[in-house]
Amino acid sequence: MKKLFIKICRLLGFEIIDQNSFTSPTLNKELNEDLSLINEKSIVLPLGEVKITRKINSILIIFRMNTELEIWDQSKNRLFEQSKVEYSVRSLKSLIKSINFCKKKYSDLSIKTVIIDDHSKEENLKRVKSVINDNDVEIVPLNHEKFENFIKKQKSKATFSNLASLLQSFEIGKNQANDLILFVEDDYLHFEPMLEEMVASYQRIASQIGKDIFMCPADYPYLYMNNEKTNILIGNKRHWRTINKTLCTFMTSKTLLDQYWENFKKTCTDRHDPFEKYLNEIYLKEICVSPLKSLSLHLTNVNSSYGLAPFIDYKKLWDENK
């Protein structure tokens, strides 16, 4: 009778929880395992199941890289005070580890990575290529000349390069992406589950609210410096909070990129104050969330309000990606 009941529940799409044995007979899993199924259902105890209506088929990751510039627009040193190429290489290494972790969990998910390289020295490119190895990663050189008539004249070459690489990343997203796009800067270290958690949480939250969203993988200090109201949402394996500001590392959909294309382009026309002014305007209309606690670490100066996420073992994450 028990076996028959389990089969009937499976046919009807219900899940059984046996709290005595701490198992789910319909899923053949213990309750401390991952109970969710990509593109089918998200299950979080004790909140139950969310049917996935926002399915995810592919992710295009665009990694903006400058292996020479220490900290753009600042004179301070980064945490650990290493040369910039060291941060770029470790950032890419942590990203690839996160991609491979996600692929193991979601083998049917198509993931492609494009690196926009801002004129790296050959010796730095060799280090980068040694990290890429056999992964599906394409390196594209930054084309300064293409944007000279679009971007306003800047006080420094570094500022122009930053705006140009950002615009080139947005254009690649618009022209090549089919579903989700993750824009990533090269001074972030990522925890291994970062991408898997973002994918699973994206489709759970987007399915619940019935629309696409923006997601930031970092929990920035400046988000706690004003007494602003926020909503706390349940993701896949952690809480997420609604925010109305990000930097230029975030994930969204091709649909929202197309819908707000003018905002994305305006972000790159000049060095605005704040830099992300036109991105932040989007978050007045659309949901944007960041994780509690952080999935990625922005490696800036230790005193920067846009840098180190709280409650992270910085040295451990740095050493793991040597």
C-alpha atoms as a PDB file:
ATOM      1  CA  MET A   1       0.000   0.000   0.000  1.00  0.00           C
ATOM      2  CA  LYS A   2       2.841   2.375   0.836  1.00  0.00           C
ATOM      3  CA  LYS A   3       4.592   1.727  -2.492  1.00  0.00           C
ATOM      4  CA  LEU A   4       1.316   2.206  -4.359  1.00  0.00           C
ATOM      5  CA  PHE A   5       0.645   5.480  -2.531  1.00  0.00           C
ATOM      6  CA  ILE A   6       4.134   6.757  -3.407  1.00  0.00           C
ATOM      7  CA  LYS A   7       3.591   5.904  -7.091  1.00  0.00           C
ATOM      8  CA  ILE A   8       0.240   7.700  -7.140  1.00  0.00           C
ATOM      9  CA  CYS A   9       1.791  10.786  -5.532  1.00  0.00           C
ATOM     10  CA  ARG A  10       4.534  10.810  -8.147  1.00  0.00           C
ATOM     11  CA  LEU A  11       1.990  10.557 -10.972  1.00  0.00           C
ATOM     12  CA  LEU A  12       0.016  13.454  -9.502  1.00  0.00           C
ATOM     13  CA  GLY A  13       3.138  15.560  -9.041  1.00  0.00           C
ATOM     14  CA  PHE A  14       3.057  15.580  -5.224  1.00  0.00           C
ATOM     15  CA  GLU A  15       6.045  15.044  -2.943  1.00  0.00           C
ATOM     16  CA  ILE A  16       5.922  13.103   0.333  1.00  0.00           C
ATOM     17  CA  ILE A  17       7.961  14.155   3.371  1.00  0.00           C
ATOM     18  CA  ASP A  18       8.704  11.494   5.994  1.00  0.00           C
ATOM     19  CA  GLN A  19       9.853  13.563   8.958  1.00  0.00           C
ATOM     20  CA  ASN A  20      10.462  10.427  11.035  1.00  0.00           C
ATOM     21  CA  SER A  21      13.109   9.025   8.689  1.00  0.00           C
ATOM     22  CA  PHE A  22      14.021  12.516   7.399  1.00  0.00           C
ATOM     23  CA  THR A  23      13.528  11.415   3.784  1.00  0.00           C
ATOM     24  CA  SER A  24      11.329  12.067   0.773  1.00  0.00           C
ATOM     25  CA  PRO A  25      10.154   8.695  -0.619  1.00  0.00           C
ATOM     26  CA  THR A  26       8.881  10.285  -3.847  1.00  0.00           C
ATOM     27  CA  LEU A  27      12.237  11.916  -4.545  1.00  0.00           C
ATOM     28  CA  ASN A  28      14.369   9.079  -3.120  1.00  0.00           C
ATOM     29  CA  LYS A  29      16.398  11.641  -1.199  1.00  0.00           C
ATOM     30  CA  GLU A  30      17.226  12.582   2.349  1.00  0.00           C
ATOM     31  CA  LEU A  31      15.831  15.942   3.366  1.00  0.00           C
ATOM     32  CA  ASN A  32      19.286  17.476   3.809  1.00  0.00           C
ATOM     33  CA  GLU A  33      19.989  16.866   0.094  1.00  0.00           C
ATOM     34  CA  ASP A  34      19.051  19.219  -2.741  1.00  0.00           C
ATOM     35  CA  LEU A  35      15.363  18.499  -3.318  1.00  0.00           C
ATOM     36  CA  SER A  36      14.834  20.942  -6.191  1.00  0.00           C
ATOM     37  CA  LEU A  37      14.788  19.964  -9.869  1.00  0.00           C
ATOM     38  CA  ILE A  38      16.051  22.463 -12.440  1.00  0.00           C
ATOM     39  CA  ASN A  39      13.280  23.806 -14.686  1.00  0.00           C
ATOM     40  CA  GLU A  40      10.660  21.750 -12.832  1.00  0.00           C
ATOM     41  CA  LYS A  41      10.261  22.591  -9.155  1.00  0.00           C
ATOM     42  CA  SER A  42      12.008  24.400  -6.301  1.00  0.00           C
ATOM     43  CA  ILE A  43      11.597  22.815  -2.873  1.00  0.00           C
ATOM     44  CA  VAL A  44      12.704  24.545   0.323  1.00  0.00           C
ATOM     45  CA  LEU A  45      11.846  23.134   3.750  1.00  0.00           C
ATOM     46  CA  PRO A  46       9.528  23.961   5.411  1.00  0.00           C
ATOM     47  CA  LEU A  47       8.051  26.266   2.746  1.00  0.00           C
ATOM     48  CA  GLY A  48       7.230  23.519   0.286  1.00  0.00           C
ATOM     49  CA  GLU A  49       7.297  23.574  -3.484  1.00  0.00           C
ATOM     50  CA  VAL A  50       7.314  26.313  -6.116  1.00  0.00           C
ATOM     51  CA  LYS A  51       6.445  25.194  -9.639  1.00  0.00           C
ATOM     52  CA  ILE A  52       9.020  26.568 -12.071  1.00  0.00           C
ATOM     53  CA  THR A  53       7.366  28.590 -14.807  1.00  0.00           C
ATOM     54  CA  ARG A  54      10.520  30.593 -15.646  1.00  0.00           C
ATOM     55  CA  LYS A  55      12.714  27.907 -17.178  1.00  0.00           C
ATOM     56  CA  ILE A  56      16.399  28.603 -17.924  1.00  0.00           C
ATOM     57  CA  ASN A  57      18.105  27.126 -20.969  1.00  0.00           C
ATOM     58  CA  SER A  58      21.391  28.999 -21.332  1.00  0.00           C
ATOM     59  CA  ILE A  59      23.733  31.498 -19.709  1.00  0.00           C
ATOM     60  CA  LEU A  60      26.161  33.799 -21.483  1.00  0.00           C
ATOM     61  CA  ILE A  61      28.918  34.981 -19.120  1.00  0.00           C
ATOM     62  CA  ILE A  62      30.823  38.107 -20.162  1.00  0.00           C
ATOM     63  CA  PHE A  63      34.032  38.675 -18.199  1.00  0.00           C
ATOM     64  CA  ARG A  64      35.608  42.152 -18.532  1.00  0.00           C
ATOM     65  CA  MET A  65      39.372  41.979 -17.995  1.00  0.00           C
ATOM     66  CA  ASN A  66      42.128  44.541 -17.577  1.00  0.00           C
ATOM     67  CA  THR A  67      45.290  42.930 -16.203  1.00  0.00           C
ATOM     68  CA  GLU A  68      47.245  46.203 -15.950  1.00  0.00           C
ATOM     69  CA  LEU A  69      45.103  48.804 -14.138  1.00  0.00           C
ATOM     70  CA  GLU A  70      45.422  48.567 -10.355  1.00  0.00           C
ATOM     71  CA  ILE A  71      42.180  50.291  -9.237  1.00  0.00           C
ATOM     72  CA  TRP A  72      40.260  52.401 -11.724  1.00  0.00           C
ATOM     73  CA  ASP A  73      39.331  55.887 -10.474  1.00  0.00           C
ATOM     74  CA  GLN A  74      41.173  55.370  -7.158  1.00  0.00           C
ATOM     75  CA  SER A  75      44.710  55.710  -5.776  1.00  0.00           C
ATOM     76  CA  LYS A  76      44.249  53.145  -2.974  1.00  0.00           C
ATOM     77  CA  ASN A  77      45.682  49.639  -2.941  1.00  0.00           C
ATOM     78  CA  ARG A  78      43.500  46.537  -3.057  1.00  0.00           C
ATOM     79  CA  LEU A  79      43.290  44.006  -0.276  1.00  0.00           C
ATOM     80  CA  PHE A  80      46.478  41.843  -0.304  1.00  0.00           C
ATOM     81  CA  GLU A  81      48.262  44.547  -2.405  1.00  0.00           C
ATOM     82  CA  GLN A  82      49.198  42.326  -5.352  1.00  0.00           C
ATOM     83  CA  SER A  83      49.643  43.264  -9.018  1.00  0.00           C
ATOM     84  CA  LYS A  84      46.389  43.540 -10.972  1.00  0.00           C
ATOM     85  CA  VAL A  85      47.010  40.448 -13.091  1.00  0.00           C
ATOM     86  CA  GLU A  86      46.950  38.366  -9.897  1.00  0.00           C
ATOM     87  CA  TYR A  87      43.378  39.490  -9.188  1.00  0.00           C
ATOM     88  CA  SER A  88      42.296  38.902 -12.797  1.00  0.00           C
ATOM     89  CA  VAL A  89      43.707  35.369 -12.856  1.00  0.00           C
ATOM     90  CA  ARG A  90      42.275  34.388  -9.465  1.00  0.00           C
ATOM     91  CA  SER A  91      38.931  35.924 -10.373  1.00  0.00           C
ATOM     92  CA  LEU A  92      38.766  33.932 -13.603  1.00  0.00           C
ATOM     93  CA  LYS A  93      39.879  30.757 -11.825  1.00  0.00           C
ATOM     94  CA  SER A  94      37.124  31.104  -9.220  1.00  0.00           C
ATOM     95  CA  LEU A  95      34.575  31.816 -11.963  1.00  0.00           C
ATOM     96  CA  ILE A  96      35.534  28.703 -13.942  1.00  0.00           C
ATOM     97  CA  LYS A  97      35.325  26.595 -10.776  1.00  0.00           C
ATOM     98  CA  SER A  98      31.828  27.940 -10.209  1.00  0.00           C
ATOM     99  CA  ILE A  99      30.846  27.242 -13.828  1.00  0.00           C
ATOM    100  CA  ASN A 100      32.062  23.636 -13.609  1.00  0.00           C
ATOM    101  CA  PHE A 101      30.232  23.157 -10.303  1.00  0.00           C
ATOM    102  CA  CYS A 102      27.034  24.400 -11.949  1.00  0.00           C
ATOM    103  CA  LYS A 103      27.526  22.141 -14.980  1.00  0.00           C
ATOM    104  CA  LYS A 104      27.759  19.092 -12.730  1.00  0.00           C
ATOM    105  CA  LYS A 105      24.428  19.988 -11.128  1.00  0.00           C
ATOM    106  CA  TYR A 106      22.683  21.115 -14.336  1.00  0.00           C
ATOM    107  CA  SER A 107      24.225  19.178 -17.199  1.00  0.00           C
ATOM    108  CA  ASP A 108      21.579  20.293 -19.727  1.00  0.00           C
ATOM    109  CA  LEU A 109      22.269  23.984 -19.121  1.00  0.00           C
ATOM    110  CA  SER A 110      24.273  25.644 -21.907  1.00  0.00           C
ATOM    111  CA  ILE A 111      27.001  27.932 -20.503  1.00  0.00           C
ATOM    112  CA  LYS A 112      29.329  30.013 -22.654  1.00  0.00           C
ATOM    113  CA  THR A 113      31.973  32.488 -21.440  1.00  0.00           C
ATOM    114  CA  VAL A 114      33.398  35.453 -23.354  1.00  0.00           C
ATOM    115  CA  ILE A 115      36.398  37.421 -22.030  1.00  0.00           C
ATOM    116  CA  ILE A 116      36.747  41.022 -23.208  1.00  0.00           C
ATOM    117  CA  ASP A 117      40.467  41.716 -22.846  1.00  0.00           C
ATOM    118  CA  ASP A 118      41.691  45.293 -22.598  1.00  0.00           C
ATOM    119  CA  HIS A 119      45.135  45.034 -24.245  1.00  0.00           C
ATOM    120  CA  SER A 120      46.857  42.650 -21.840  1.00  0.00           C
ATOM    121  CA  LYS A 121      50.568  41.986 -22.156  1.00  0.00           C
ATOM    122  CA  GLU A 122      51.438  38.663 -23.750  1.00  0.00           C
ATOM    123  CA  GLU A 123      52.853  37.304 -20.484  1.00  0.00           C
ATOM    124  CA  ASN A 124      49.578  38.113 -18.708  1.00  0.00           C
ATOM    125  CA  LEU A 125      47.523  36.531 -21.479  1.00  0.00           C
ATOM    126  CA  LYS A 126      49.582  33.345 -21.122  1.00  0.00           C
ATOM    127  CA  ARG A 127      48.606  33.151 -17.449  1.00  0.00           C
ATOM    128  CA  VAL A 128      44.964  33.704 -18.337  1.00  0.00           C
ATOM    129  CA  LYS A 129      45.012  31.026 -21.049  1.00  0.00           C
ATOM    130  CA  SER A 130      46.592  28.529 -18.652  1.00  0.00           C
ATOM    131  CA  VAL A 131      43.571  28.973 -16.371  1.00  0.00           C
ATOM    132  CA  ILE A 132      41.070  28.594 -19.235  1.00  0.00           C
ATOM    133  CA  ASN A 133      42.535  25.258 -20.323  1.00  0.00           C
ATOM    134  CA  ASP A 134      39.801  23.238 -22.140  1.00  0.00           C
ATOM    135  CA  ASN A 135      36.825  25.234 -20.899  1.00  0.00           C
ATOM    136  CA  ASP A 136      34.375  26.848 -23.331  1.00  0.00           C
ATOM    137  CA  VAL A 137      35.876  30.348 -23.124  1.00  0.00           C
ATOM    138  CA  GLU A 138      36.449  32.836 -25.945  1.00  0.00           C
ATOM    139  CA  ILE A 139      38.838  35.810 -25.638  1.00  0.00           C
ATOM    140  CA  VAL A 140      37.789  38.931 -27.554  1.00  0.00           C
ATOM    141  CA  PRO A 141      40.049  42.029 -27.708  1.00  0.00           C
ATOM    142  CA  LEU A 142      38.554  45.364 -26.687  1.00  0.00           C
ATOM    143  CA  ASN A 143      38.001  47.616 -29.695  1.00  0.00           C
ATOM    144  CA  HIS A 144      38.640  51.206 -28.568  1.00  0.00           C
ATOM    145  CA  GLU A 145      38.252  52.733 -32.023  1.00  0.00           C
ATOM    146  CA  LYS A 146      34.719  51.403 -32.448  1.00  0.00           C
ATOM    147  CA  PHE A 147      33.392  53.610 -29.631  1.00  0.00           C
ATOM    148  CA  GLU A 148      35.381  56.827 -30.108  1.00  0.00           C
ATOM    149  CA  ASN A 149      32.421  58.679 -31.645  1.00  0.00           C
ATOM    150  CA  PHE A 150      29.913  57.369 -29.087  1.00  0.00           C
ATOM    151  CA  ILE A 151      31.690  57.838 -25.751  1.00  0.00           C
ATOM    152  CA  LYS A 152      32.359  61.416 -24.689  1.00  0.00           C
ATOM    153  CA  LYS A 153      35.960  62.535 -24.318  1.00  0.00           C
ATOM    154  CA  GLN A 154      37.245  61.502 -20.882  1.00  0.00           C
ATOM    155  CA  LYS A 155      39.890  62.900 -18.535  1.00  0.00           C
ATOM    156  CA  SER A 156      41.861  59.652 -18.647  1.00  0.00           C
ATOM    157  CA  LYS A 157      42.426  56.758 -21.013  1.00  0.00           C
ATOM    158  CA  ALA A 158      41.513  54.358 -18.202  1.00  0.00           C
ATOM    159  CA  THR A 159      38.031  55.859 -17.858  1.00  0.00           C
ATOM    160  CA  PHE A 160      37.435  55.655 -21.610  1.00  0.00           C
ATOM    161  CA  SER A 161      38.629  52.025 -21.633  1.00  0.00           C
ATOM    162  CA  ASN A 162      36.296  51.134 -18.784  1.00  0.00           C
ATOM    163  CA  LEU A 163      33.303  52.656 -20.581  1.00  0.00           C
ATOM    164  CA  ALA A 164      34.299  51.023 -23.871  1.00  0.00           C
ATOM    165  CA  SER A 165      34.679  47.545 -22.383  1.00  0.00           C
ATOM    166  CA  LEU A 166      31.337  47.915 -20.618  1.00  0.00           C
ATOM    167  CA  LEU A 167      29.581  48.941 -23.832  1.00  0.00           C
ATOM    168  CA  GLN A 168      31.241  46.109 -25.748  1.00  0.00           C
ATOM    169  CA  SER A 169      30.062  43.644 -23.094  1.00  0.00           C
ATOM    170  CA  PHE A 170      26.490  44.965 -23.354  1.00  0.00           C
ATOM    171  CA  GLU A 171      26.594  44.680 -27.154  1.00  0.00           C
ATOM    172  CA  ILE A 172      27.872  41.099 -27.003  1.00  0.00           C
ATOM    173  CA  GLY A 173      25.058  40.279 -24.574  1.00  0.00           C
ATOM    174  CA  LYS A 174      22.487  41.827 -26.894  1.00  0.00           C
ATOM    175  CA  ASN A 175      23.836  40.101 -30.008  1.00  0.00           C
ATOM    176  CA  GLN A 176      24.787  36.672 -28.679  1.00  0.00           C
ATOM    177  CA  ALA A 177      22.654  35.850 -25.631  1.00  0.00           C
ATOM    178  CA  ASN A 178      19.515  33.751 -25.839  1.00  0.00           C
ATOM    179  CA  ASP A 179      18.441  33.688 -22.196  1.00  0.00           C
ATOM    180  CA  LEU A 180      20.380  34.795 -19.087  1.00  0.00           C
ATOM    181  CA  ILE A 181      23.475  37.018 -19.152  1.00  0.00           C
ATOM    182  CA  LEU A 182      26.015  37.369 -16.341  1.00  0.00           C
ATOM    183  CA  PHE A 183      28.197  40.473 -16.609  1.00  0.00           C
ATOM    184  CA  VAL A 184      31.349  40.032 -14.490  1.00  0.00           C
ATOM    185  CA  GLU A 185      34.288  42.304 -13.674  1.00  0.00           C
ATOM    186  CA  ASP A 186      37.745  40.831 -13.103  1.00  0.00           C
ATOM    187  CA  ASP A 187      38.239  41.872  -9.472  1.00  0.00           C
ATOM    188  CA  TYR A 188      35.655  39.549  -7.913  1.00  0.00           C
ATOM    189  CA  LEU A 189      36.347  36.200  -6.272  1.00  0.00           C
ATOM    190  CA  HIS A 190      33.451  33.755  -6.449  1.00  0.00           C
ATOM    191  CA  PHE A 191      32.436  30.956  -4.150  1.00  0.00           C
ATOM    192  CA  GLU A 192      32.114  27.643  -5.958  1.00  0.00           C
ATOM    193  CA  PRO A 193      28.279  27.417  -5.615  1.00  0.00           C
ATOM    194  CA  MET A 194      27.812  31.008  -6.871  1.00  0.00           C
ATOM    195  CA  LEU A 195      26.460  30.257 -10.347  1.00  0.00           C
ATOM    196  CA  GLU A 196      24.365  27.253  -9.291  1.00  0.00           C
ATOM    197  CA  GLU A 197      22.720  29.277  -6.513  1.00  0.00           C
ATOM    198  CA  MET A 198      22.058  32.210  -8.829  1.00  0.00           C
ATOM    199  CA  VAL A 199      20.450  30.009 -11.484  1.00  0.00           C
ATOM    200  CA  ALA A 200      18.266  28.100  -9.020  1.00  0.00           C
ATOM    201  CA  SER A 201      17.296  31.223  -7.073  1.00  0.00           C
ATOM    202  CA  TYR A 202      16.643  33.215 -10.251  1.00  0.00           C
ATOM    203  CA  GLN A 203      14.091  30.760 -11.565  1.00  0.00           C
ATOM    204  CA  ARG A 204      12.439  30.309  -8.158  1.00  0.00           C
ATOM    205  CA  ILE A 205      12.014  34.059  -7.539  1.00  0.00           C
ATOM    206  CA  ALA A 206      11.129  34.864 -11.166  1.00  0.00           C
ATOM    207  CA  SER A 207       8.530  32.066 -11.160  1.00  0.00           C
ATOM    208  CA  GLN A 208       6.962  33.376  -7.950  1.00  0.00           C
ATOM    209  CA  ILE A 209       6.645  36.996  -9.099  1.00  0.00           C
ATOM    210  CA  GLY A 210       5.922  36.139 -12.740  1.00  0.00           C
ATOM    211  CA  LYS A 211       8.644  38.292 -14.342  1.00  0.00           C
ATOM    212  CA  ASP A 212      12.370  38.445 -15.036  1.00  0.00           C
ATOM    213  CA  ILE A 213      14.680  40.067 -12.500  1.00  0.00           C
ATOM    214  CA  PHE A 214      18.195  41.394 -11.912  1.00  0.00           C
ATOM    215  CA  MET A 215      20.593  39.582  -9.549  1.00  0.00           C
ATOM    216  CA  CYS A 216      23.840  40.780  -8.011  1.00  0.00           C
ATOM    217  CA  PRO A 217      26.159  38.058  -6.572  1.00  0.00           C
ATOM    218  CA  ALA A 218      27.827  40.407  -4.046  1.00  0.00           C
ATOM    219  CA  ASP A 219      26.586  41.737  -0.710  1.00  0.00           C
ATOM    220  CA  TYR A 220      28.155  45.211  -0.713  1.00  0.00           C
ATOM    221  CA  PRO A 221      28.902  47.217   2.479  1.00  0.00           C
ATOM    222  CA  TYR A 222      27.270  50.384   1.082  1.00  0.00           C
ATOM    223  CA  LEU A 223      23.881  48.620   1.091  1.00  0.00           C
ATOM    224  CA  TYR A 224      23.926  48.863   4.894  1.00  0.00           C
ATOM    225  CA  MET A 225      24.923  52.497   5.241  1.00  0.00           C
ATOM    226  CA  ASN A 226      21.463  53.980   4.747  1.00  0.00           C
ATOM    227  CA  ASN A 227      18.261  53.131   6.587  1.00  0.00           C
ATOM    228  CA  GLU A 228      16.492  51.797   3.493  1.00  0.00           C
ATOM    229  CA  LYS A 229      13.583  49.386   3.473  1.00  0.00           C
ATOM    230  CA  THR A 230      14.117  46.012   1.845  1.00  0.00           C
ATOM    231  CA  ASN A 231      12.231  42.770   1.267  1.00  0.00           C
ATOM    232  CA  ILE A 232      13.743  39.401   2.151  1.00  0.00           C
ATOM    233  CA  LEU A 233      13.110  36.564  -0.300  1.00  0.00           C
ATOM    234  CA  ILE A 234      13.840  32.843  -0.124  1.00  0.00           C
ATOM    235  CA  GLY A 235      16.154  31.577  -2.832  1.00  0.00           C
ATOM    236  CA  ASN A 236      17.530  28.103  -3.397  1.00  0.00           C
ATOM    237  CA  LYS A 237      19.816  27.724  -0.376  1.00  0.00           C
ATOM    238  CA  ARG A 238      19.965  31.210   1.124  1.00  0.00           C
ATOM    239  CA  HIS A 239      18.071  34.426   1.648  1.00  0.00           C
ATOM    240  CA  TRP A 240      18.086  37.261  -0.887  1.00  0.00           C
ATOM    241  CA  ARG A 241      17.254  40.914  -0.288  1.00  0.00           C
ATOM    242  CA  THR A 242      15.802  43.473  -2.685  1.00  0.00           C
ATOM    243  CA  ILE A 243      18.193  46.320  -3.533  1.00  0.00           C
ATOM    244  CA  ASN A 244      18.037  49.440  -5.711  1.00  0.00           C
ATOM    245  CA  LYS A 245      21.733  49.842  -6.576  1.00  0.00           C
ATOM    246  CA  THR A 246      24.440  47.625  -8.082  1.00  0.00           C
ATOM    247  CA  LEU A 247      27.876  47.973  -9.580  1.00  0.00           C
ATOM    248  CA  CYS A 248      28.560  46.474 -13.029  1.00  0.00           C
ATOM    249  CA  THR A 249      28.650  42.813 -11.977  1.00  0.00           C
ATOM    250  CA  PHE A 250      25.127  41.414 -12.200  1.00  0.00           C
ATOM    251  CA  MET A 251      22.895  38.885 -13.962  1.00  0.00           C
ATOM    252  CA  THR A 252      19.725  39.522 -15.922  1.00  0.00           C
ATOM    253  CA  SER A 253      17.831  38.261 -18.951  1.00  0.00           C
ATOM    254  CA  LYS A 254      18.175  39.050 -22.652  1.00  0.00           C
ATOM    255  CA  THR A 255      14.547  40.241 -22.440  1.00  0.00           C
ATOM    256  CA  LEU A 256      15.347  42.914 -19.845  1.00  0.00           C
ATOM    257  CA  LEU A 257      18.557  43.898 -21.645  1.00  0.00           C
ATOM    258  CA  ASP A 258      16.504  44.570 -24.778  1.00  0.00           C
ATOM    259  CA  GLN A 259      13.730  46.314 -22.853  1.00  0.00           C
ATOM    260  CA  TYR A 260      16.107  48.753 -21.141  1.00  0.00           C
ATOM    261  CA  TRP A 261      18.695  48.989 -23.889  1.00  0.00           C
ATOM    262  CA  GLU A 262      18.703  52.801 -23.798  1.00  0.00           C
ATOM    263  CA  ASN A 263      19.638  52.722 -20.089  1.00  0.00           C
ATOM    264  CA  PHE A 264      22.450  50.297 -20.795  1.00  0.00           C
ATOM    265  CA  LYS A 265      23.799  52.478 -23.621  1.00  0.00           C
ATOM    266  CA  LYS A 266      23.504  55.705 -21.606  1.00  0.00           C
ATOM    267  CA  THR A 267      25.584  54.123 -18.826  1.00  0.00           C
ATOM    268  CA  CYS A 268      28.500  53.976 -21.255  1.00  0.00           C
ATOM    269  CA  THR A 269      28.279  57.420 -22.856  1.00  0.00           C
ATOM    270  CA  ASP A 270      30.095  59.220 -20.046  1.00  0.00           C
ATOM    271  CA  ARG A 271      31.509  58.906 -16.524  1.00  0.00           C
ATOM    272  CA  HIS A 272      28.254  59.579 -14.643  1.00  0.00           C
ATOM    273  CA  ASP A 273      27.860  60.262 -10.932  1.00  0.00           C
ATOM    274  CA  PRO A 274      27.221  57.663  -9.732  1.00  0.00           C
ATOM    275  CA  PHE A 275      28.793  55.577 -12.480  1.00  0.00           C
ATOM    276  CA  GLU A 276      25.794  53.194 -12.541  1.00  0.00           C
ATOM    277  CA  LYS A 277      23.198  56.004 -12.557  1.00  0.00           C
ATOM    278  CA  TYR A 278      21.185  54.670 -15.516  1.00  0.00           C
ATOM    279  CA  LEU A 279      21.376  51.063 -14.314  1.00  0.00           C
ATOM    280  CA  ASN A 280      20.030  52.131 -10.925  1.00  0.00           C
ATOM    281  CA  GLU A 281      17.100  53.824 -12.680  1.00  0.00           C
ATOM    282  CA  ILE A 282      16.009  50.408 -13.942  1.00  0.00           C
ATOM    283  CA  TYR A 283      15.757  49.075 -10.387  1.00  0.00           C
ATOM    284  CA  LEU A 284      13.030  51.603  -9.645  1.00  0.00           C
ATOM    285  CA  LYS A 285      10.842  49.573 -12.024  1.00  0.00           C
ATOM    286  CA  GLU A 286      12.285  46.057 -11.845  1.00  0.00           C
ATOM    287  CA  ILE A 287      13.212  43.694  -9.001  1.00  0.00           C
ATOM    288  CA  CYS A 288      16.924  43.444  -8.194  1.00  0.00           C
ATOM    289  CA  VAL A 289      18.251  41.193  -5.434  1.00  0.00           C
ATOM    290  CA  SER A 290      21.547  40.386  -3.733  1.00  0.00           C
ATOM    291  CA  PRO A 291      22.411  37.375  -1.531  1.00  0.00           C
ATOM    292  CA  LEU A 292      22.693  37.041   2.250  1.00  0.00           C
ATOM    293  CA  LYS A 293      25.441  36.132   2.684  1.00  0.00           C
ATOM    294  CA  SER A 294      27.573  37.019  -0.298  1.00  0.00           C
ATOM    295  CA  LEU A 295      28.306  34.649  -3.190  1.00  0.00           C
ATOM    296  CA  SER A 296      31.111  36.839  -4.559  1.00  0.00           C
ATOM    297  CA  LEU A 297      33.738  39.096  -3.053  1.00  0.00           C
ATOM    298  CA  HIS A 298      34.659  42.451  -4.598  1.00  0.00           C
ATOM    299  CA  LEU A 299      38.383  42.822  -3.963  1.00  0.00           C
ATOM    300  CA  THR A 300      38.860  46.552  -3.462  1.00  0.00           C
ATOM    301  CA  ASN A 301      40.521  48.468  -0.648  1.00  0.00           C
ATOM    302  CA  VAL A 302      39.564  47.203   2.807  1.00  0.00           C
ATOM    303  CA  ASN A 303      37.911  50.551   3.626  1.00  0.00           C
ATOM    304  CA  SER A 304      35.874  50.833   0.428  1.00  0.00           C
ATOM    305  CA  SER A 305      32.109  50.956   0.877  1.00  0.00           C
ATOM    306  CA  TYR A 306      31.803  49.205  -2.512  1.00  0.00           C
ATOM    307  CA  GLY A 307      34.109  46.368  -1.581  1.00  0.00           C
ATOM    308  CA  LEU A 308      34.393  43.565   0.905  1.00  0.00           C
ATOM    309  CA  ALA A 309      31.182  41.794   1.839  1.00  0.00           C
ATOM    310  CA  PRO A 310      30.695  41.235   5.584  1.00  0.00           C
ATOM    311  CA  PHE A 311      31.235  37.906   7.386  1.00  0.00           C
ATOM    312  CA  ILE A 312      33.524  36.366   4.732  1.00  0.00           C
ATOM    313  CA  ASP A 313      36.853  34.632   5.326  1.00  0.00           C
ATOM    314  CA  TYR A 314      38.706  36.783   2.793  1.00  0.00           C
ATOM    315  CA  LYS A 315      42.104  35.135   3.164  1.00  0.00           C
ATOM    316  CA  LYS A 316      40.684  31.627   2.753  1.00  0.00           C
ATOM    317  CA  LEU A 317      38.865  32.491  -0.472  1.00  0.00           C
ATOM    318  CA  TRP A 318      41.961  34.281  -1.801  1.00  0.00           C
ATOM    319  CA  ASP A 319      44.234  31.317  -1.059  1.00  0.00           C
ATOM    320  CA  GLU A 320      41.793  28.775  -2.549  1.00  0.00           C
ATOM    321  CA  ASN A 321      42.134  30.432  -5.949  1.00  0.00           C
ATOM    322  CA  LYS A 322      45.922  30.782  -6.051  1.00  0.00           C
END
